[in-house]
Amino acid sequence: MSENEHLKREFTDEERRRLVDYFNLLIEIDQREKARYAKLKDFPKGFAMDGEGRECGLCFRPVYDIAGWFDKWGFKCSNCQDAVNKRKIPGSLCSDYRHEKSIPDTMLASKLNISVRTIRKQIHEGKIIGRRIPNGPYMILRKDNPNLQR
């Protein structure tokens, strides 16, 4: 008998049904996402869409009551879309879910267990490179990405 032999068991009918429901939900979400990207062929600069509780791909704030914007970089709140349009923040940061290019100051403060004020002070002193989203957080940029430097 192998070490994992005792971990094998039969699924119950309820567990099977829940697994099927879960995969049906994943398929539905994938189809909606593909439809959004297909719609970009008709609207190459993007289109407005309801937030419905989605998270902005840039500042990671939830968007409920107001319309957001969807383009080749994904979904953004209207505030972040305005910052991208005015070239304050590169659009490529919007799909950086793993924070390989940047991270919001609020999220960095949470991960490091320090205050946002400390991070913003470092930005003002030039020790950390950050770009401000108007009415939003600073985006802390990675030093090893020369395309994102000032």
C-alpha atoms as a PDB file:
ATOM      1  CA  MET A   1       0.000   0.000   0.000  1.00  0.00           C
ATOM      2  CA  SER A   2       1.440   3.388  -1.002  1.00  0.00           C
ATOM      3  CA  GLU A   3       1.584   6.444   1.235  1.00  0.00           C
ATOM      4  CA  ASN A   4      -1.337   8.152  -0.544  1.00  0.00           C
ATOM      5  CA  GLU A   5      -3.519   5.066  -0.790  1.00  0.00           C
ATOM      6  CA  HIS A   6      -5.508   6.123   2.262  1.00  0.00           C
ATOM      7  CA  LEU A   7      -6.327   9.491   0.595  1.00  0.00           C
ATOM      8  CA  LYS A   8      -8.286   7.878  -2.243  1.00  0.00           C
ATOM      9  CA  ARG A   9     -12.040   7.825  -1.834  1.00  0.00           C
ATOM     10  CA  GLU A  10     -15.193   7.946  -3.897  1.00  0.00           C
ATOM     11  CA  PHE A  11     -16.913  11.274  -4.455  1.00  0.00           C
ATOM     12  CA  THR A  12     -20.487  11.586  -3.276  1.00  0.00           C
ATOM     13  CA  ASP A  13     -23.238  12.537  -5.717  1.00  0.00           C
ATOM     14  CA  GLU A  14     -23.436  15.973  -4.075  1.00  0.00           C
ATOM     15  CA  GLU A  15     -19.684  16.533  -4.526  1.00  0.00           C
ATOM     16  CA  ARG A  16     -19.905  15.494  -8.175  1.00  0.00           C
ATOM     17  CA  ARG A  17     -22.845  17.845  -8.780  1.00  0.00           C
ATOM     18  CA  ARG A  18     -20.998  20.746  -7.135  1.00  0.00           C
ATOM     19  CA  LEU A  19     -17.892  20.030  -9.215  1.00  0.00           C
ATOM     20  CA  VAL A  20     -19.941  20.036 -12.427  1.00  0.00           C
ATOM     21  CA  ASP A  21     -21.611  23.328 -11.371  1.00  0.00           C
ATOM     22  CA  TYR A  22     -18.202  24.826 -10.657  1.00  0.00           C
ATOM     23  CA  PHE A  23     -16.831  23.901 -14.084  1.00  0.00           C
ATOM     24  CA  ASN A  24     -20.002  25.204 -15.767  1.00  0.00           C
ATOM     25  CA  LEU A  25     -19.439  28.528 -13.988  1.00  0.00           C
ATOM     26  CA  LEU A  26     -15.807  28.640 -15.136  1.00  0.00           C
ATOM     27  CA  ILE A  27     -16.873  27.963 -18.722  1.00  0.00           C
ATOM     28  CA  GLU A  28     -19.505  30.719 -18.545  1.00  0.00           C
ATOM     29  CA  ILE A  29     -16.966  33.224 -17.183  1.00  0.00           C
ATOM     30  CA  ASP A  30     -14.477  32.283 -19.908  1.00  0.00           C
ATOM     31  CA  GLN A  31     -17.112  32.710 -22.628  1.00  0.00           C
ATOM     32  CA  ARG A  32     -18.055  36.171 -21.318  1.00  0.00           C
ATOM     33  CA  GLU A  33     -14.396  37.215 -21.250  1.00  0.00           C
ATOM     34  CA  LYS A  34     -13.835  35.970 -24.802  1.00  0.00           C
ATOM     35  CA  ALA A  35     -16.960  37.866 -25.918  1.00  0.00           C
ATOM     36  CA  ARG A  36     -15.577  41.084 -24.398  1.00  0.00           C
ATOM     37  CA  TYR A  37     -12.291  40.717 -26.252  1.00  0.00           C
ATOM     38  CA  ALA A  38     -14.184  39.862 -29.461  1.00  0.00           C
ATOM     39  CA  LYS A  39     -16.189  43.090 -29.040  1.00  0.00           C
ATOM     40  CA  LEU A  40     -12.893  44.985 -29.197  1.00  0.00           C
ATOM     41  CA  LYS A  41     -12.806  44.228 -32.940  1.00  0.00           C
ATOM     42  CA  ASP A  42     -15.788  46.584 -33.321  1.00  0.00           C
ATOM     43  CA  PHE A  43     -14.523  49.062 -30.715  1.00  0.00           C
ATOM     44  CA  PRO A  44     -10.696  48.998 -30.918  1.00  0.00           C
ATOM     45  CA  LYS A  45     -10.259  51.847 -28.402  1.00  0.00           C
ATOM     46  CA  GLY A  46     -12.465  50.085 -25.871  1.00  0.00           C
ATOM     47  CA  PHE A  47     -15.971  50.476 -24.537  1.00  0.00           C
ATOM     48  CA  ALA A  48     -17.826  51.385 -21.339  1.00  0.00           C
ATOM     49  CA  MET A  49     -19.231  48.563 -19.268  1.00  0.00           C
ATOM     50  CA  ASP A  50     -20.958  48.194 -15.914  1.00  0.00           C
ATOM     51  CA  GLY A  51     -18.676  47.570 -12.977  1.00  0.00           C
ATOM     52  CA  GLU A  52     -20.940  44.992 -11.323  1.00  0.00           C
ATOM     53  CA  GLY A  53     -18.471  44.679  -8.450  1.00  0.00           C
ATOM     54  CA  ARG A  54     -15.425  44.048 -10.633  1.00  0.00           C
ATOM     55  CA  GLU A  55     -11.999  45.150  -9.470  1.00  0.00           C
ATOM     56  CA  CYS A  56     -10.117  47.780 -11.419  1.00  0.00           C
ATOM     57  CA  GLY A  57      -7.106  46.178 -13.071  1.00  0.00           C
ATOM     58  CA  LEU A  58      -4.903  49.099 -12.029  1.00  0.00           C
ATOM     59  CA  CYS A  59      -5.860  50.375  -8.565  1.00  0.00           C
ATOM     60  CA  PHE A  60      -7.691  47.163  -7.526  1.00  0.00           C
ATOM     61  CA  ARG A  61     -10.652  49.071  -6.103  1.00  0.00           C
ATOM     62  CA  PRO A  62     -14.097  47.533  -6.563  1.00  0.00           C
ATOM     63  CA  VAL A  63     -16.363  49.246  -9.110  1.00  0.00           C
ATOM     64  CA  TYR A  64     -20.093  48.988  -8.360  1.00  0.00           C
ATOM     65  CA  ASP A  65     -22.325  51.940  -9.194  1.00  0.00           C
ATOM     66  CA  ILE A  66     -20.372  53.636 -11.967  1.00  0.00           C
ATOM     67  CA  ALA A  67     -19.399  52.419 -15.405  1.00  0.00           C
ATOM     68  CA  GLY A  68     -15.857  51.242 -15.999  1.00  0.00           C
ATOM     69  CA  TRP A  69     -13.885  50.893 -19.206  1.00  0.00           C
ATOM     70  CA  PHE A  70     -12.743  47.762 -21.036  1.00  0.00           C
ATOM     71  CA  ASP A  71      -9.980  47.833 -23.652  1.00  0.00           C
ATOM     72  CA  LYS A  72      -7.019  45.708 -24.716  1.00  0.00           C
ATOM     73  CA  TRP A  73      -5.536  46.103 -21.226  1.00  0.00           C
ATOM     74  CA  GLY A  74      -8.670  44.773 -19.502  1.00  0.00           C
ATOM     75  CA  PHE A  75     -11.182  46.399 -17.151  1.00  0.00           C
ATOM     76  CA  LYS A  76     -10.424  49.696 -15.372  1.00  0.00           C
ATOM     77  CA  CYS A  77     -12.367  52.174 -13.276  1.00  0.00           C
ATOM     78  CA  SER A  78     -13.094  55.493 -14.972  1.00  0.00           C
ATOM     79  CA  ASN A  79     -10.502  57.275 -12.809  1.00  0.00           C
ATOM     80  CA  CYS A  80      -7.682  54.940 -13.869  1.00  0.00           C
ATOM     81  CA  GLN A  81      -8.845  55.008 -17.493  1.00  0.00           C
ATOM     82  CA  ASP A  82      -8.546  58.793 -17.394  1.00  0.00           C
ATOM     83  CA  ALA A  83      -4.997  58.464 -16.017  1.00  0.00           C
ATOM     84  CA  VAL A  84      -4.123  56.061 -18.857  1.00  0.00           C
ATOM     85  CA  ASN A  85      -5.692  58.395 -21.450  1.00  0.00           C
ATOM     86  CA  LYS A  86      -3.666  61.333 -20.111  1.00  0.00           C
ATOM     87  CA  ARG A  87      -0.524  59.125 -20.143  1.00  0.00           C
ATOM     88  CA  LYS A  88       0.095  59.478 -16.417  1.00  0.00           C
ATOM     89  CA  ILE A  89       0.185  55.671 -16.094  1.00  0.00           C
ATOM     90  CA  PRO A  90       1.091  53.211 -18.882  1.00  0.00           C
ATOM     91  CA  GLY A  91      -1.836  51.039 -19.932  1.00  0.00           C
ATOM     92  CA  SER A  92       0.373  47.966 -19.714  1.00  0.00           C
ATOM     93  CA  LEU A  93       0.232  48.185 -15.912  1.00  0.00           C
ATOM     94  CA  CYS A  94      -3.477  47.372 -15.974  1.00  0.00           C
ATOM     95  CA  SER A  95      -3.005  43.660 -16.569  1.00  0.00           C
ATOM     96  CA  ASP A  96      -0.106  43.304 -14.136  1.00  0.00           C
ATOM     97  CA  TYR A  97      -1.967  41.059 -11.678  1.00  0.00           C
ATOM     98  CA  ARG A  98       1.227  39.514 -10.315  1.00  0.00           C
ATOM     99  CA  HIS A  99       2.738  42.959  -9.634  1.00  0.00           C
ATOM    100  CA  GLU A 100       5.742  42.297 -11.844  1.00  0.00           C
ATOM    101  CA  LYS A 101       5.828  45.895 -13.132  1.00  0.00           C
ATOM    102  CA  SER A 102       4.214  47.873 -10.312  1.00  0.00           C
ATOM    103  CA  ILE A 103       2.164  47.691  -7.119  1.00  0.00           C
ATOM    104  CA  PRO A 104      -0.228  50.240  -5.549  1.00  0.00           C
ATOM    105  CA  ASP A 105       1.192  51.984  -2.507  1.00  0.00           C
ATOM    106  CA  THR A 106      -1.710  50.833  -0.349  1.00  0.00           C
ATOM    107  CA  MET A 107      -1.104  47.181  -1.233  1.00  0.00           C
ATOM    108  CA  LEU A 108       2.654  47.517  -0.694  1.00  0.00           C
ATOM    109  CA  ALA A 109       2.042  49.076   2.726  1.00  0.00           C
ATOM    110  CA  SER A 110      -0.238  46.190   3.628  1.00  0.00           C
ATOM    111  CA  LYS A 111       2.265  43.547   2.490  1.00  0.00           C
ATOM    112  CA  LEU A 112       5.175  45.200   4.323  1.00  0.00           C
ATOM    113  CA  ASN A 113       3.065  46.060   7.385  1.00  0.00           C
ATOM    114  CA  ILE A 114       4.067  49.728   7.289  1.00  0.00           C
ATOM    115  CA  SER A 115       2.018  52.877   6.860  1.00  0.00           C
ATOM    116  CA  VAL A 116       1.095  54.350   3.493  1.00  0.00           C
ATOM    117  CA  ARG A 117       2.435  57.682   4.773  1.00  0.00           C
ATOM    118  CA  THR A 118       5.901  56.127   5.120  1.00  0.00           C
ATOM    119  CA  ILE A 119       5.821  54.908   1.531  1.00  0.00           C
ATOM    120  CA  ARG A 120       4.569  58.250   0.216  1.00  0.00           C
ATOM    121  CA  LYS A 121       7.312  60.032   2.145  1.00  0.00           C
ATOM    122  CA  GLN A 122       9.874  57.760   0.455  1.00  0.00           C
ATOM    123  CA  ILE A 123       8.325  58.638  -2.922  1.00  0.00           C
ATOM    124  CA  HIS A 124       8.547  62.381  -2.229  1.00  0.00           C
ATOM    125  CA  GLU A 125      12.177  61.990  -1.165  1.00  0.00           C
ATOM    126  CA  GLY A 126      12.914  60.146  -4.431  1.00  0.00           C
ATOM    127  CA  LYS A 127      13.933  56.903  -2.724  1.00  0.00           C
ATOM    128  CA  ILE A 128      11.036  55.036  -4.335  1.00  0.00           C
ATOM    129  CA  ILE A 129       9.771  55.688  -7.849  1.00  0.00           C
ATOM    130  CA  GLY A 130       6.026  56.099  -7.980  1.00  0.00           C
ATOM    131  CA  ARG A 131       3.468  57.602 -10.304  1.00  0.00           C
ATOM    132  CA  ARG A 132       0.284  59.128  -8.955  1.00  0.00           C
ATOM    133  CA  ILE A 133      -3.131  58.176 -10.253  1.00  0.00           C
ATOM    134  CA  PRO A 134      -5.236  61.341  -9.754  1.00  0.00           C
ATOM    135  CA  ASN A 135      -7.723  60.715  -6.922  1.00  0.00           C
ATOM    136  CA  GLY A 136      -6.123  57.309  -6.424  1.00  0.00           C
ATOM    137  CA  PRO A 137      -3.019  55.570  -5.119  1.00  0.00           C
ATOM    138  CA  TYR A 138       0.589  55.895  -6.168  1.00  0.00           C
ATOM    139  CA  MET A 139       1.845  53.068  -8.343  1.00  0.00           C
ATOM    140  CA  ILE A 140       5.268  51.940  -7.167  1.00  0.00           C
ATOM    141  CA  LEU A 141       7.334  51.034 -10.224  1.00  0.00           C
ATOM    142  CA  ARG A 142       9.982  48.337 -10.350  1.00  0.00           C
ATOM    143  CA  LYS A 143      13.501  49.687 -10.809  1.00  0.00           C
ATOM    144  CA  ASP A 144      14.496  46.946 -13.240  1.00  0.00           C
ATOM    145  CA  ASN A 145      11.893  48.041 -15.800  1.00  0.00           C
ATOM    146  CA  PRO A 146      13.502  50.989 -17.690  1.00  0.00           C
ATOM    147  CA  ASN A 147      10.340  51.628 -19.765  1.00  0.00           C
ATOM    148  CA  LEU A 148       8.481  52.694 -16.631  1.00  0.00           C
ATOM    149  CA  GLN A 149      11.022  55.076 -15.125  1.00  0.00           C
ATOM    150  CA  ARG A 150      10.467  58.826 -15.027  1.00  0.00           C
END
